[in-house]
Amino acid sequence: MATESGLLHVTDKNFSAEVLQSDIPVLVDFWASWCGPCRAISPIVEELAQEYTGKVKITKLNVDENPATPSQYGVRGIPTLILFKGGEVLDQIVGSVPKARLKAMIDKAL
């Protein structure tokens, strides 16, 4: 289910269909509601969702509600942002980082 900003919330159940089988690169923001740095980076992730509409799918996955996927990808700290292309991990950033760093990571996939 996509939000107004174009951000898509994925779960353990739809992760494969929405992320691994996507025709375009997908950025997944692994987050939790209690995580301060996650809340800090959230507006940046929403801006990216608007800027890259149609070119990159920007998604969020709540690690508390969906524990299987983060453990499959070795997510130990949050926020962790993983960029997928063609079902493979292309790049990964852990922690709250400036928007320019995220844009640079995404632009490499395009």
Protein backbone atom coordinates (compact mmCIF):
# COMPACT_ATOMS: atom_id res chain seq x y z
CA MET A 1 0.00 0.00 0.00
CA ALA A 2 1.57 3.25 -1.18
CA THR A 3 1.22 6.49 0.77
CA GLU A 4 0.59 9.95 -0.70
CA SER A 5 4.34 10.52 -1.08
CA GLY A 6 4.67 7.39 -3.23
CA LEU A 7 6.28 5.49 -0.37
CA LEU A 8 5.37 1.82 -0.24
CA HIS A 9 5.13 -0.14 3.01
CA VAL A 10 6.33 -3.71 2.51
CA THR A 11 6.00 -6.74 4.78
CA ASP A 12 7.56 -10.18 5.10
CA LYS A 13 4.62 -11.47 3.01
CA ASN A 14 4.94 -9.13 0.02
CA PHE A 15 8.70 -8.46 0.14
CA SER A 16 9.53 -10.92 -2.64
CA ALA A 17 6.84 -9.60 -4.99
CA GLU A 18 7.42 -5.89 -4.31
CA VAL A 19 11.22 -5.85 -3.92
CA LEU A 20 12.95 -8.93 -5.33
CA GLN A 21 10.73 -9.22 -8.42
CA SER A 22 10.60 -5.46 -9.16
CA ASP A 23 11.52 -4.30 -12.67
CA ILE A 24 13.12 -1.14 -11.24
CA PRO A 25 15.63 -0.66 -8.37
CA VAL A 26 14.10 -0.70 -4.87
CA LEU A 27 15.34 1.10 -1.75
CA VAL A 28 14.15 -0.56 1.46
CA ASP A 29 14.23 1.44 4.71
CA PHE A 30 14.31 -1.03 7.62
CA TRP A 31 12.92 0.93 10.58
CA ALA A 32 10.97 0.82 13.87
CA SER A 33 8.61 3.36 15.43
CA TRP A 34 10.69 3.63 18.64
CA CYS A 35 13.93 4.42 16.74
CA GLY A 36 14.98 8.11 16.90
CA PRO A 37 17.39 8.01 13.92
CA CYS A 38 14.66 6.21 11.91
CA ARG A 39 12.26 9.07 12.59
CA ALA A 40 15.00 11.58 11.68
CA ILE A 41 15.63 10.02 8.25
CA SER A 42 11.97 9.35 7.46
CA PRO A 43 11.23 12.79 5.86
CA ILE A 44 14.30 12.34 3.61
CA VAL A 45 13.08 8.90 2.53
CA GLU A 46 9.65 10.41 1.75
CA GLU A 47 11.26 13.17 -0.35
CA LEU A 48 13.24 10.56 -2.28
CA ALA A 49 10.03 8.61 -2.95
CA GLN A 50 8.58 11.69 -4.65
CA GLU A 51 11.77 12.58 -6.54
CA TYR A 52 12.33 9.08 -7.93
CA THR A 53 8.70 8.19 -8.74
CA GLY A 54 8.66 5.75 -11.66
CA LYS A 55 12.46 5.29 -11.60
CA VAL A 56 13.08 3.72 -8.19
CA LYS A 57 10.63 2.13 -5.76
CA ILE A 58 11.13 3.55 -2.25
CA THR A 59 9.80 1.28 0.50
CA LYS A 60 9.74 0.98 4.29
CA LEU A 61 9.70 -2.24 6.29
CA ASN A 62 8.87 -2.18 10.01
CA VAL A 63 11.36 -4.58 11.65
CA ASP A 64 9.17 -5.16 14.72
CA GLU A 65 6.16 -6.25 12.67
CA ASN A 66 8.20 -8.15 10.05
CA PRO A 67 11.19 -9.89 11.69
CA ALA A 68 11.91 -12.51 9.00
CA THR A 69 13.15 -10.22 6.22
CA PRO A 70 15.60 -8.15 8.32
CA SER A 71 17.15 -11.32 9.74
CA GLN A 72 17.46 -12.76 6.22
CA TYR A 73 19.52 -9.71 5.19
CA GLY A 74 21.55 -9.44 8.40
CA VAL A 75 19.99 -6.18 9.56
CA ARG A 76 21.38 -5.62 13.06
CA GLY A 77 21.05 -1.85 13.46
CA ILE A 78 18.37 0.52 12.26
CA PRO A 79 17.80 2.48 10.22
CA THR A 80 19.35 0.23 7.59
CA LEU A 81 18.71 1.19 3.97
CA ILE A 82 19.34 -1.53 1.41
CA LEU A 83 19.21 -0.91 -2.33
CA PHE A 84 18.07 -3.87 -4.45
CA LYS A 85 18.32 -4.22 -8.21
CA GLY A 86 17.22 -7.33 -10.07
CA GLY A 87 16.53 -9.10 -6.78
CA GLU A 88 20.14 -8.63 -5.57
CA VAL A 89 21.56 -6.35 -2.87
CA LEU A 90 23.40 -3.55 -4.67
CA ASP A 91 24.34 -1.33 -1.72
CA GLN A 92 23.59 -0.74 1.95
CA ILE A 93 23.80 2.13 4.44
CA VAL A 94 23.34 1.80 8.20
CA GLY A 95 22.33 4.81 10.27
CA SER A 96 20.88 8.23 9.58
CA VAL A 97 22.81 9.83 6.73
CA PRO A 98 22.46 13.04 4.68
CA LYS A 99 20.08 13.03 1.72
CA ALA A 100 23.01 13.51 -0.70
CA ARG A 101 24.53 10.20 0.43
CA LEU A 102 21.26 8.35 -0.24
CA LYS A 103 20.83 10.06 -3.63
CA ALA A 104 24.37 9.06 -4.63
CA MET A 105 23.64 5.43 -3.71
CA ILE A 106 20.35 5.43 -5.67
CA ASP A 107 21.87 7.17 -8.70
CA LYS A 108 24.46 4.37 -9.01
CA ALA A 109 21.60 1.94 -9.68
CA LEU A 110 20.08 4.01 -12.49
